[in-house]
Amino acid sequence: MNTSKKKERVVFYFEKIDKDLLFNHCNLIGVKTSFFVRNTILEELGKPVIKIQVENVNTKKYVSELIRIGVNLNQVARKLNSGATFLIADQRKVLDEMEALTSHILEIKSQL
């Protein structure tokens, strides 16, 4: 039985749009294209090479936070669409919440 770990080269072609999609996806998830293609094919053939470990991201916490943010944004939009004027205190509160939202989104992104 040959137990050699020597890798051999395989060449295949994509249309440009598919190639761009592949490269963008790999860039988004932070892996090399060759790594992604190799592992995807081997997994499809029933030989998974790597087990992806999911980081400890509290999904329920983030979903509830995003729902809360969505409710707040809907309240702001409803008030803006009603033609009502904002008091200076309301404007400050909206700006503070938007700043907190931006920070929170960046925190979530850093954990993914």
PDB file of N, CA and C in Angstrom:
ATOM      1  N   MET A   1       0.846  -1.179   0.000  1.00  0.00           N
ATOM      2  CA  MET A   1       0.000   0.000   0.000  1.00  0.00           C
ATOM      3  C   MET A   1       0.886   1.235   0.000  1.00  0.00           C
ATOM      4  N   ASN A   2       0.602   2.174  -0.875  1.00  0.00           N
ATOM      5  CA  ASN A   2       1.384   3.392  -1.001  1.00  0.00           C
ATOM      6  C   ASN A   2       0.892   4.420   0.009  1.00  0.00           C
ATOM      7  N   THR A   3       1.732   4.762   0.971  1.00  0.00           N
ATOM      8  CA  THR A   3       1.356   5.725   2.001  1.00  0.00           C
ATOM      9  C   THR A   3       2.002   7.082   1.762  1.00  0.00           C
ATOM     10  N   SER A   4       2.450   7.323   0.549  1.00  0.00           N
ATOM     11  CA  SER A   4       3.105   8.572   0.211  1.00  0.00           C
ATOM     12  C   SER A   4       2.124   9.743   0.334  1.00  0.00           C
ATOM     13  N   LYS A   5       2.613  10.833   0.900  1.00  0.00           N
ATOM     14  CA  LYS A   5       1.786  12.030   1.065  1.00  0.00           C
ATOM     15  C   LYS A   5       2.069  13.053  -0.039  1.00  0.00           C
ATOM     16  N   LYS A   6       2.724  12.612  -1.113  1.00  0.00           N
ATOM     17  CA  LYS A   6       3.038  13.524  -2.205  1.00  0.00           C
ATOM     18  C   LYS A   6       1.754  13.988  -2.874  1.00  0.00           C
ATOM     19  N   LYS A   7       1.647  15.289  -3.039  1.00  0.00           N
ATOM     20  CA  LYS A   7       0.461  15.859  -3.658  1.00  0.00           C
ATOM     21  C   LYS A   7       0.683  15.993  -5.160  1.00  0.00           C
ATOM     22  N   GLU A   8      -0.388  15.809  -5.899  1.00  0.00           N
ATOM     23  CA  GLU A   8      -0.325  15.966  -7.345  1.00  0.00           C
ATOM     24  C   GLU A   8      -1.209  17.125  -7.758  1.00  0.00           C
ATOM     25  N   ARG A   9      -0.843  17.744  -8.833  1.00  0.00           N
ATOM     26  CA  ARG A   9      -1.535  18.924  -9.326  1.00  0.00           C
ATOM     27  C   ARG A   9      -2.720  18.530 -10.196  1.00  0.00           C
ATOM     28  N   VAL A  10      -3.840  19.226 -10.003  1.00  0.00           N
ATOM     29  CA  VAL A  10      -5.041  19.050 -10.819  1.00  0.00           C
ATOM     30  C   VAL A  10      -5.422  20.431 -11.339  1.00  0.00           C
ATOM     31  N   VAL A  11      -5.687  20.513 -12.631  1.00  0.00           N
ATOM     32  CA  VAL A  11      -6.042  21.797 -13.241  1.00  0.00           C
ATOM     33  C   VAL A  11      -7.452  21.699 -13.794  1.00  0.00           C
ATOM     34  N   PHE A  12      -8.247  22.721 -13.529  1.00  0.00           N
ATOM     35  CA  PHE A  12      -9.577  22.800 -14.123  1.00  0.00           C
ATOM     36  C   PHE A  12      -9.897  24.267 -14.375  1.00  0.00           C
ATOM     37  N   TYR A  13     -10.918  24.531 -15.142  1.00  0.00           N
ATOM     38  CA  TYR A  13     -11.217  25.878 -15.593  1.00  0.00           C
ATOM     39  C   TYR A  13     -12.605  26.318 -15.142  1.00  0.00           C
ATOM     40  N   PHE A  14     -12.719  27.626 -14.873  1.00  0.00           N
ATOM     41  CA  PHE A  14     -13.984  28.253 -14.505  1.00  0.00           C
ATOM     42  C   PHE A  14     -14.285  29.382 -15.484  1.00  0.00           C
ATOM     43  N   GLU A  15     -15.542  29.714 -15.598  1.00  0.00           N
ATOM     44  CA  GLU A  15     -15.886  30.973 -16.253  1.00  0.00           C
ATOM     45  C   GLU A  15     -15.478  32.080 -15.295  1.00  0.00           C
ATOM     46  N   LYS A  16     -15.212  33.265 -15.805  1.00  0.00           N
ATOM     47  CA  LYS A  16     -14.706  34.366 -14.972  1.00  0.00           C
ATOM     48  C   LYS A  16     -15.627  34.662 -13.796  1.00  0.00           C
ATOM     49  N   ILE A  17     -16.923  34.688 -14.033  1.00  0.00           N
ATOM     50  CA  ILE A  17     -17.867  35.025 -12.964  1.00  0.00           C
ATOM     51  C   ILE A  17     -17.815  33.985 -11.842  1.00  0.00           C
ATOM     52  N   ASP A  18     -17.663  32.700 -12.209  1.00  0.00           N
ATOM     53  CA  ASP A  18     -17.567  31.643 -11.206  1.00  0.00           C
ATOM     54  C   ASP A  18     -16.237  31.717 -10.454  1.00  0.00           C
ATOM     55  N   LYS A  19     -15.178  32.027 -11.177  1.00  0.00           N
ATOM     56  CA  LYS A  19     -13.867  32.169 -10.549  1.00  0.00           C
ATOM     57  C   LYS A  19     -13.899  33.326  -9.546  1.00  0.00           C
ATOM     58  N   ASP A  20     -14.489  34.446  -9.944  1.00  0.00           N
ATOM     59  CA  ASP A  20     -14.589  35.594  -9.043  1.00  0.00           C
ATOM     60  C   ASP A  20     -15.404  35.243  -7.802  1.00  0.00           C
ATOM     61  N   LEU A  21     -16.491  34.501  -7.993  1.00  0.00           N
ATOM     62  CA  LEU A  21     -17.322  34.077  -6.873  1.00  0.00           C
ATOM     63  C   LEU A  21     -16.516  33.211  -5.902  1.00  0.00           C
ATOM     64  N   LEU A  22     -15.755  32.267  -6.454  1.00  0.00           N
ATOM     65  CA  LEU A  22     -14.920  31.385  -5.637  1.00  0.00           C
ATOM     66  C   LEU A  22     -13.881  32.187  -4.855  1.00  0.00           C
ATOM     67  N   PHE A  23     -13.165  33.085  -5.531  1.00  0.00           N
ATOM     68  CA  PHE A  23     -12.131  33.871  -4.873  1.00  0.00           C
ATOM     69  C   PHE A  23     -12.729  34.781  -3.803  1.00  0.00           C
ATOM     70  N   ASN A  24     -13.872  35.397  -4.104  1.00  0.00           N
ATOM     71  CA  ASN A  24     -14.517  36.273  -3.124  1.00  0.00           C
ATOM     72  C   ASN A  24     -14.966  35.487  -1.893  1.00  0.00           C
ATOM     73  N   HIS A  25     -15.514  34.304  -2.119  1.00  0.00           N
ATOM     74  CA  HIS A  25     -15.966  33.471  -1.004  1.00  0.00           C
ATOM     75  C   HIS A  25     -14.778  33.067  -0.128  1.00  0.00           C
ATOM     76  N   CYS A  26     -13.704  32.635  -0.748  1.00  0.00           N
ATOM     77  CA  CYS A  26     -12.521  32.226   0.011  1.00  0.00           C
ATOM     78  C   CYS A  26     -11.930  33.403   0.777  1.00  0.00           C
ATOM     79  N   ASN A  27     -11.912  34.561   0.146  1.00  0.00           N
ATOM     80  CA  ASN A  27     -11.413  35.756   0.811  1.00  0.00           C
ATOM     81  C   ASN A  27     -12.289  36.102   2.010  1.00  0.00           C
ATOM     82  N   LEU A  28     -13.600  35.977   1.842  1.00  0.00           N
ATOM     83  CA  LEU A  28     -14.546  36.289   2.907  1.00  0.00           C
ATOM     84  C   LEU A  28     -14.357  35.379   4.117  1.00  0.00           C
ATOM     85  N   ILE A  29     -14.144  34.092   3.878  1.00  0.00           N
ATOM     86  CA  ILE A  29     -13.992  33.167   5.006  1.00  0.00           C
ATOM     87  C   ILE A  29     -12.534  33.030   5.441  1.00  0.00           C
ATOM     88  N   GLY A  30     -11.629  33.675   4.722  1.00  0.00           N
ATOM     89  CA  GLY A  30     -10.233  33.740   5.152  1.00  0.00           C
ATOM     90  C   GLY A  30      -9.416  32.487   4.931  1.00  0.00           C
ATOM     91  N   VAL A  31      -9.656  31.796   3.809  1.00  0.00           N
ATOM     92  CA  VAL A  31      -8.851  30.616   3.493  1.00  0.00           C
ATOM     93  C   VAL A  31      -8.305  30.738   2.077  1.00  0.00           C
ATOM     94  N   LYS A  32      -7.247  29.982   1.811  1.00  0.00           N
ATOM     95  CA  LYS A  32      -6.710  29.954   0.449  1.00  0.00           C
ATOM     96  C   LYS A  32      -7.670  29.195  -0.452  1.00  0.00           C
ATOM     97  N   THR A  33      -7.724  29.616  -1.702  1.00  0.00           N
ATOM     98  CA  THR A  33      -8.638  28.990  -2.658  1.00  0.00           C
ATOM     99  C   THR A  33      -8.337  27.510  -2.818  1.00  0.00           C
ATOM    100  N   SER A  34      -7.064  27.151  -2.913  1.00  0.00           N
ATOM    101  CA  SER A  34      -6.694  25.741  -3.087  1.00  0.00           C
ATOM    102  C   SER A  34      -7.154  24.909  -1.890  1.00  0.00           C
ATOM    103  N   PHE A  35      -7.022  25.442  -0.700  1.00  0.00           N
ATOM    104  CA  PHE A  35      -7.462  24.759   0.508  1.00  0.00           C
ATOM    105  C   PHE A  35      -8.969  24.520   0.463  1.00  0.00           C
ATOM    106  N   PHE A  36      -9.716  25.566   0.090  1.00  0.00           N
ATOM    107  CA  PHE A  36     -11.173  25.463   0.038  1.00  0.00           C
ATOM    108  C   PHE A  36     -11.622  24.432  -1.001  1.00  0.00           C
ATOM    109  N   VAL A  37     -11.066  24.511  -2.203  1.00  0.00           N
ATOM    110  CA  VAL A  37     -11.459  23.594  -3.278  1.00  0.00           C
ATOM    111  C   VAL A  37     -11.098  22.155  -2.910  1.00  0.00           C
ATOM    112  N   ARG A  38      -9.869  21.944  -2.430  1.00  0.00           N
ATOM    113  CA  ARG A  38      -9.430  20.600  -2.060  1.00  0.00           C
ATOM    114  C   ARG A  38     -10.346  19.996  -0.994  1.00  0.00           C
ATOM    115  N   ASN A  39     -10.613  20.740   0.057  1.00  0.00           N
ATOM    116  CA  ASN A  39     -11.429  20.216   1.146  1.00  0.00           C
ATOM    117  C   ASN A  39     -12.887  20.039   0.753  1.00  0.00           C
ATOM    118  N   THR A  40     -13.396  20.903  -0.094  1.00  0.00           N
ATOM    119  CA  THR A  40     -14.776  20.755  -0.567  1.00  0.00           C
ATOM    120  C   THR A  40     -14.931  19.492  -1.397  1.00  0.00           C
ATOM    121  N   ILE A  41     -13.988  19.253  -2.283  1.00  0.00           N
ATOM    122  CA  ILE A  41     -14.049  18.055  -3.133  1.00  0.00           C
ATOM    123  C   ILE A  41     -13.884  16.785  -2.291  1.00  0.00           C
ATOM    124  N   LEU A  42     -12.888  16.781  -1.408  1.00  0.00           N
ATOM    125  CA  LEU A  42     -12.670  15.593  -0.580  1.00  0.00           C
ATOM    126  C   LEU A  42     -13.865  15.319   0.335  1.00  0.00           C
ATOM    127  N   GLU A  43     -14.482  16.363   0.851  1.00  0.00           N
ATOM    128  CA  GLU A  43     -15.678  16.181   1.685  1.00  0.00           C
ATOM    129  C   GLU A  43     -16.815  15.588   0.864  1.00  0.00           C
ATOM    130  N   GLU A  44     -16.974  16.063  -0.356  1.00  0.00           N
ATOM    131  CA  GLU A  44     -18.022  15.542  -1.244  1.00  0.00           C
ATOM    132  C   GLU A  44     -17.772  14.073  -1.572  1.00  0.00           C
ATOM    133  N   LEU A  45     -16.509  13.698  -1.617  1.00  0.00           N
ATOM    134  CA  LEU A  45     -16.156  12.305  -1.893  1.00  0.00           C
ATOM    135  C   LEU A  45     -16.202  11.434  -0.640  1.00  0.00           C
ATOM    136  N   GLY A  46     -16.612  12.012   0.477  1.00  0.00           N
ATOM    137  CA  GLY A  46     -16.744  11.250   1.707  1.00  0.00           C
ATOM    138  C   GLY A  46     -15.468  11.143   2.514  1.00  0.00           C
ATOM    139  N   LYS A  47     -14.526  12.020   2.243  1.00  0.00           N
ATOM    140  CA  LYS A  47     -13.262  11.988   2.977  1.00  0.00           C
ATOM    141  C   LYS A  47     -12.962  13.372   3.550  1.00  0.00           C
ATOM    142  N   PRO A  48     -13.729  13.766   4.579  1.00  0.00           N
ATOM    143  CA  PRO A  48     -13.476  15.093   5.157  1.00  0.00           C
ATOM    144  C   PRO A  48     -12.067  15.163   5.727  1.00  0.00           C
ATOM    145  N   VAL A  49     -11.389  16.238   5.432  1.00  0.00           N
ATOM    146  CA  VAL A  49     -10.004  16.404   5.839  1.00  0.00           C
ATOM    147  C   VAL A  49      -9.901  17.246   7.105  1.00  0.00           C
ATOM    148  N   ILE A  50     -10.828  18.144   7.270  1.00  0.00           N
ATOM    149  CA  ILE A  50     -10.740  19.079   8.383  1.00  0.00           C
ATOM    150  C   ILE A  50     -12.092  19.198   9.049  1.00  0.00           C
ATOM    151  N   LYS A  51     -12.054  19.326  10.339  1.00  0.00           N
ATOM    152  CA  LYS A  51     -13.270  19.619  11.083  1.00  0.00           C
ATOM    153  C   LYS A  51     -13.197  21.078  11.492  1.00  0.00           C
ATOM    154  N   ILE A  52     -14.182  21.834  11.079  1.00  0.00           N
ATOM    155  CA  ILE A  52     -14.199  23.255  11.402  1.00  0.00           C
ATOM    156  C   ILE A  52     -14.717  23.416  12.817  1.00  0.00           C
ATOM    157  N   GLN A  53     -13.951  24.100  13.623  1.00  0.00           N
ATOM    158  CA  GLN A  53     -14.368  24.361  14.993  1.00  0.00           C
ATOM    159  C   GLN A  53     -15.062  25.710  15.034  1.00  0.00           C
ATOM    160  N   VAL A  54     -16.312  25.684  15.464  1.00  0.00           N
ATOM    161  CA  VAL A  54     -17.075  26.914  15.567  1.00  0.00           C
ATOM    162  C   VAL A  54     -16.620  27.644  16.818  1.00  0.00           C
ATOM    163  N   GLU A  55     -16.300  28.914  16.638  1.00  0.00           N
ATOM    164  CA  GLU A  55     -15.883  29.699  17.778  1.00  0.00           C
ATOM    165  C   GLU A  55     -17.065  29.893  18.718  1.00  0.00           C
ATOM    166  N   ASN A  56     -16.770  30.182  19.942  1.00  0.00           N
ATOM    167  CA  ASN A  56     -17.813  30.340  20.938  1.00  0.00           C
ATOM    168  C   ASN A  56     -18.516  31.685  20.740  1.00  0.00           C
ATOM    169  N   VAL A  57     -19.455  31.708  19.830  1.00  0.00           N
ATOM    170  CA  VAL A  57     -20.228  32.907  19.557  1.00  0.00           C
ATOM    171  C   VAL A  57     -21.638  32.639  20.056  1.00  0.00           C
ATOM    172  N   ASN A  58     -22.102  33.469  20.952  1.00  0.00           N
ATOM    173  CA  ASN A  58     -23.418  33.279  21.529  1.00  0.00           C
ATOM    174  C   ASN A  58     -24.470  33.794  20.548  1.00  0.00           C
ATOM    175  N   THR A  59     -24.953  32.907  19.693  1.00  0.00           N
ATOM    176  CA  THR A  59     -25.868  33.276  18.622  1.00  0.00           C
ATOM    177  C   THR A  59     -27.170  33.853  19.160  1.00  0.00           C
ATOM    178  N   LYS A  60     -27.741  33.228  20.174  1.00  0.00           N
ATOM    179  CA  LYS A  60     -29.008  33.723  20.719  1.00  0.00           C
ATOM    180  C   LYS A  60     -28.870  35.153  21.221  1.00  0.00           C
ATOM    181  N   LYS A  61     -27.746  35.445  21.857  1.00  0.00           N
ATOM    182  CA  LYS A  61     -27.507  36.800  22.372  1.00  0.00           C
ATOM    183  C   LYS A  61     -27.492  37.804  21.224  1.00  0.00           C
ATOM    184  N   TYR A  62     -26.782  37.462  20.147  1.00  0.00           N
ATOM    185  CA  TYR A  62     -26.676  38.395  19.034  1.00  0.00           C
ATOM    186  C   TYR A  62     -27.989  38.541  18.284  1.00  0.00           C
ATOM    187  N   VAL A  63     -28.749  37.464  18.164  1.00  0.00           N
ATOM    188  CA  VAL A  63     -30.041  37.548  17.495  1.00  0.00           C
ATOM    189  C   VAL A  63     -30.973  38.454  18.279  1.00  0.00           C
ATOM    190  N   SER A  64     -31.008  38.285  19.603  1.00  0.00           N
ATOM    191  CA  SER A  64     -31.892  39.136  20.408  1.00  0.00           C
ATOM    192  C   SER A  64     -31.438  40.588  20.360  1.00  0.00           C
ATOM    193  N   GLU A  65     -30.131  40.818  20.348  1.00  0.00           N
ATOM    194  CA  GLU A  65     -29.623  42.184  20.229  1.00  0.00           C
ATOM    195  C   GLU A  65     -30.012  42.807  18.882  1.00  0.00           C
ATOM    196  N   LEU A  66     -29.880  42.015  17.820  1.00  0.00           N
ATOM    197  CA  LEU A  66     -30.240  42.532  16.495  1.00  0.00           C
ATOM    198  C   LEU A  66     -31.731  42.810  16.394  1.00  0.00           C
ATOM    199  N   ILE A  67     -32.557  41.994  17.024  1.00  0.00           N
ATOM    200  CA  ILE A  67     -33.999  42.243  17.037  1.00  0.00           C
ATOM    201  C   ILE A  67     -34.293  43.542  17.772  1.00  0.00           C
ATOM    202  N   ARG A  68     -33.638  43.733  18.925  1.00  0.00           N
ATOM    203  CA  ARG A  68     -33.825  44.969  19.692  1.00  0.00           C
ATOM    204  C   ARG A  68     -33.416  46.191  18.868  1.00  0.00           C
ATOM    205  N   ILE A  69     -32.298  46.074  18.175  1.00  0.00           N
ATOM    206  CA  ILE A  69     -31.819  47.173  17.329  1.00  0.00           C
ATOM    207  C   ILE A  69     -32.817  47.447  16.216  1.00  0.00           C
ATOM    208  N   GLY A  70     -33.343  46.368  15.611  1.00  0.00           N
ATOM    209  CA  GLY A  70     -34.332  46.531  14.550  1.00  0.00           C
ATOM    210  C   GLY A  70     -35.584  47.241  15.038  1.00  0.00           C
ATOM    211  N   VAL A  71     -36.036  46.897  16.239  1.00  0.00           N
ATOM    212  CA  VAL A  71     -37.208  47.558  16.823  1.00  0.00           C
ATOM    213  C   VAL A  71     -36.925  49.042  17.010  1.00  0.00           C
ATOM    214  N   ASN A  72     -35.743  49.356  17.541  1.00  0.00           N
ATOM    215  CA  ASN A  72     -35.376  50.766  17.730  1.00  0.00           C
ATOM    216  C   ASN A  72     -35.325  51.512  16.406  1.00  0.00           C
ATOM    217  N   LEU A  73     -34.748  50.899  15.393  1.00  0.00           N
ATOM    218  CA  LEU A  73     -34.675  51.558  14.088  1.00  0.00           C
ATOM    219  C   LEU A  73     -36.063  51.767  13.495  1.00  0.00           C
ATOM    220  N   ASN A  74     -36.957  50.796  13.693  1.00  0.00           N
ATOM    221  CA  ASN A  74     -38.328  50.957  13.213  1.00  0.00           C
ATOM    222  C   ASN A  74     -39.031  52.116  13.916  1.00  0.00           C
ATOM    223  N   GLN A  75     -38.782  52.281  15.207  1.00  0.00           N
ATOM    224  CA  GLN A  75     -39.379  53.400  15.938  1.00  0.00           C
ATOM    225  C   GLN A  75     -38.866  54.733  15.413  1.00  0.00           C
ATOM    226  N   VAL A  76     -37.569  54.796  15.122  1.00  0.00           N
ATOM    227  CA  VAL A  76     -36.990  56.025  14.574  1.00  0.00           C
ATOM    228  C   VAL A  76     -37.579  56.306  13.196  1.00  0.00           C
ATOM    229  N   ALA A  77     -37.649  55.278  12.353  1.00  0.00           N
ATOM    230  CA  ALA A  77     -38.191  55.459  11.002  1.00  0.00           C
ATOM    231  C   ALA A  77     -39.648  55.900  11.062  1.00  0.00           C
ATOM    232  N   ARG A  78     -40.433  55.290  11.957  1.00  0.00           N
ATOM    233  CA  ARG A  78     -41.847  55.660  12.092  1.00  0.00           C
ATOM    234  C   ARG A  78     -41.978  57.134  12.484  1.00  0.00           C
ATOM    235  N   LYS A  79     -41.126  57.576  13.408  1.00  0.00           N
ATOM    236  CA  LYS A  79     -41.184  58.960  13.853  1.00  0.00           C
ATOM    237  C   LYS A  79     -40.762  59.906  12.731  1.00  0.00           C
ATOM    238  N   LEU A  80     -39.726  59.531  11.997  1.00  0.00           N
ATOM    239  CA  LEU A  80     -39.282  60.367  10.877  1.00  0.00           C
ATOM    240  C   LEU A  80     -40.349  60.449   9.787  1.00  0.00           C
ATOM    241  N   ASN A  81     -40.982  59.316   9.486  1.00  0.00           N
ATOM    242  CA  ASN A  81     -41.993  59.280   8.432  1.00  0.00           C
ATOM    243  C   ASN A  81     -43.292  59.973   8.837  1.00  0.00           C
ATOM    244  N   SER A  82     -43.528  60.154  10.131  1.00  0.00           N
ATOM    245  CA  SER A  82     -44.752  60.806  10.582  1.00  0.00           C
ATOM    246  C   SER A  82     -44.665  62.315  10.444  1.00  0.00           C
ATOM    247  N   GLY A  83     -43.482  62.824  10.169  1.00  0.00           N
ATOM    248  CA  GLY A  83     -43.306  64.268  10.021  1.00  0.00           C
ATOM    249  C   GLY A  83     -43.048  64.956  11.346  1.00  0.00           C
ATOM    250  N   ALA A  84     -42.969  64.210  12.422  1.00  0.00           N
ATOM    251  CA  ALA A  84     -42.704  64.796  13.731  1.00  0.00           C
ATOM    252  C   ALA A  84     -41.274  65.327  13.790  1.00  0.00           C
ATOM    253  N   THR A  85     -41.091  66.333  14.587  1.00  0.00           N
ATOM    254  CA  THR A  85     -39.743  66.877  14.736  1.00  0.00           C
ATOM    255  C   THR A  85     -39.071  66.241  15.940  1.00  0.00           C
ATOM    256  N   PHE A  86     -37.773  66.122  15.840  1.00  0.00           N
ATOM    257  CA  PHE A  86     -36.988  65.555  16.924  1.00  0.00           C
ATOM    258  C   PHE A  86     -36.554  66.677  17.866  1.00  0.00           C
ATOM    259  N   LEU A  87     -36.643  66.407  19.131  1.00  0.00           N
ATOM    260  CA  LEU A  87     -36.046  67.302  20.112  1.00  0.00           C
ATOM    261  C   LEU A  87     -34.549  67.046  20.118  1.00  0.00           C
ATOM    262  N   ILE A  88     -33.797  67.999  20.596  1.00  0.00           N
ATOM    263  CA  ILE A  88     -32.343  67.836  20.625  1.00  0.00           C
ATOM    264  C   ILE A  88     -31.965  66.605  21.450  1.00  0.00           C
ATOM    265  N   ALA A  89     -32.673  66.358  22.539  1.00  0.00           N
ATOM    266  CA  ALA A  89     -32.388  65.182  23.365  1.00  0.00           C
ATOM    267  C   ALA A  89     -32.635  63.898  22.577  1.00  0.00           C
ATOM    268  N   ASP A  90     -33.707  63.879  21.752  1.00  0.00           N
ATOM    269  CA  ASP A  90     -33.995  62.715  20.914  1.00  0.00           C
ATOM    270  C   ASP A  90     -32.891  62.506  19.880  1.00  0.00           C
ATOM    271  N   GLN A  91     -32.425  63.604  19.285  1.00  0.00           N
ATOM    272  CA  GLN A  91     -31.367  63.508  18.291  1.00  0.00           C
ATOM    273  C   GLN A  91     -30.107  62.918  18.921  1.00  0.00           C
ATOM    274  N   ARG A  92     -29.765  63.365  20.127  1.00  0.00           N
ATOM    275  CA  ARG A  92     -28.574  62.865  20.813  1.00  0.00           C
ATOM    276  C   ARG A  92     -28.729  61.372  21.114  1.00  0.00           C
ATOM    277  N   LYS A  93     -29.928  60.981  21.546  1.00  0.00           N
ATOM    278  CA  LYS A  93     -30.179  59.579  21.870  1.00  0.00           C
ATOM    279  C   LYS A  93     -30.019  58.710  20.626  1.00  0.00           C
ATOM    280  N   VAL A  94     -30.568  59.168  19.493  1.00  0.00           N
ATOM    281  CA  VAL A  94     -30.456  58.417  18.238  1.00  0.00           C
ATOM    282  C   VAL A  94     -28.995  58.302  17.827  1.00  0.00           C
ATOM    283  N   LEU A  95     -28.250  59.391  17.912  1.00  0.00           N
ATOM    284  CA  LEU A  95     -26.830  59.354  17.545  1.00  0.00           C
ATOM    285  C   LEU A  95     -26.048  58.429  18.464  1.00  0.00           C
ATOM    286  N   ASP A  96     -26.355  58.471  19.766  1.00  0.00           N
ATOM    287  CA  ASP A  96     -25.676  57.573  20.709  1.00  0.00           C
ATOM    288  C   ASP A  96     -25.982  56.114  20.400  1.00  0.00           C
ATOM    289  N   GLU A  97     -27.249  55.819  20.097  1.00  0.00           N
ATOM    290  CA  GLU A  97     -27.624  54.441  19.778  1.00  0.00           C
ATOM    291  C   GLU A  97     -26.985  53.971  18.475  1.00  0.00           C
ATOM    292  N   MET A  98     -26.877  54.870  17.501  1.00  0.00           N
ATOM    293  CA  MET A  98     -26.224  54.499  16.240  1.00  0.00           C
ATOM    294  C   MET A  98     -24.742  54.219  16.470  1.00  0.00           C
ATOM    295  N   GLU A  99     -24.119  55.001  17.331  1.00  0.00           N
ATOM    296  CA  GLU A  99     -22.706  54.777  17.646  1.00  0.00           C
ATOM    297  C   GLU A  99     -22.536  53.442  18.380  1.00  0.00           C
ATOM    298  N   ALA A 100     -23.435  53.154  19.322  1.00  0.00           N
ATOM    299  CA  ALA A 100     -23.388  51.881  20.045  1.00  0.00           C
ATOM    300  C   ALA A 100     -23.624  50.726  19.084  1.00  0.00           C
ATOM    301  N   LEU A 101     -24.546  50.907  18.143  1.00  0.00           N
ATOM    302  CA  LEU A 101     -24.840  49.881  17.145  1.00  0.00           C
ATOM    303  C   LEU A 101     -23.608  49.590  16.304  1.00  0.00           C
ATOM    304  N   THR A 102     -22.934  50.623  15.867  1.00  0.00           N
ATOM    305  CA  THR A 102     -21.718  50.450  15.068  1.00  0.00           C
ATOM    306  C   THR A 102     -20.659  49.682  15.854  1.00  0.00           C
ATOM    307  N   SER A 103     -20.470  50.043  17.102  1.00  0.00           N
ATOM    308  CA  SER A 103     -19.491  49.341  17.946  1.00  0.00           C
ATOM    309  C   SER A 103     -19.879  47.884  18.136  1.00  0.00           C
ATOM    310  N   HIS A 104     -21.160  47.660  18.344  1.00  0.00           N
ATOM    311  CA  HIS A 104     -21.643  46.295  18.579  1.00  0.00           C
ATOM    312  C   HIS A 104     -21.451  45.432  17.331  1.00  0.00           C
ATOM    313  N   ILE A 105     -21.757  45.974  16.169  1.00  0.00           N
ATOM    314  CA  ILE A 105     -21.579  45.233  14.917  1.00  0.00           C
ATOM    315  C   ILE A 105     -20.107  44.905  14.706  1.00  0.00           C
ATOM    316  N   LEU A 106     -19.227  45.845  14.995  1.00  0.00           N
ATOM    317  CA  LEU A 106     -17.794  45.586  14.852  1.00  0.00           C
ATOM    318  C   LEU A 106     -17.328  44.514  15.841  1.00  0.00           C
ATOM    319  N   GLU A 107     -17.905  44.494  17.034  1.00  0.00           N
ATOM    320  CA  GLU A 107     -17.564  43.457  18.018  1.00  0.00           C
ATOM    321  C   GLU A 107     -18.000  42.089  17.516  1.00  0.00           C
ATOM    322  N   ILE A 108     -19.220  42.004  16.974  1.00  0.00           N
ATOM    323  CA  ILE A 108     -19.718  40.738  16.445  1.00  0.00           C
ATOM    324  C   ILE A 108     -18.835  40.272  15.293  1.00  0.00           C
ATOM    325  N   LYS A 109     -18.511  41.202  14.406  1.00  0.00           N
ATOM    326  CA  LYS A 109     -17.688  40.855  13.240  1.00  0.00           C
ATOM    327  C   LYS A 109     -16.320  40.326  13.665  1.00  0.00           C
ATOM    328  N   SER A 110     -15.752  40.908  14.723  1.00  0.00           N
ATOM    329  CA  SER A 110     -14.424  40.471  15.169  1.00  0.00           C
ATOM    330  C   SER A 110     -14.457  39.062  15.766  1.00  0.00           C
ATOM    331  N   GLN A 111     -15.632  38.613  16.221  1.00  0.00           N
ATOM    332  CA  GLN A 111     -15.741  37.282  16.821  1.00  0.00           C
ATOM    333  C   GLN A 111     -16.097  36.210  15.811  1.00  0.00           C
ATOM    334  N   LEU A 112     -16.442  36.609  14.596  1.00  0.00           N
ATOM    335  CA  LEU A 112     -16.799  35.612  13.583  1.00  0.00           C
ATOM    336  C   LEU A 112     -15.585  35.160  12.810  1.00  0.00           C
TER     337      LEU A 112
END
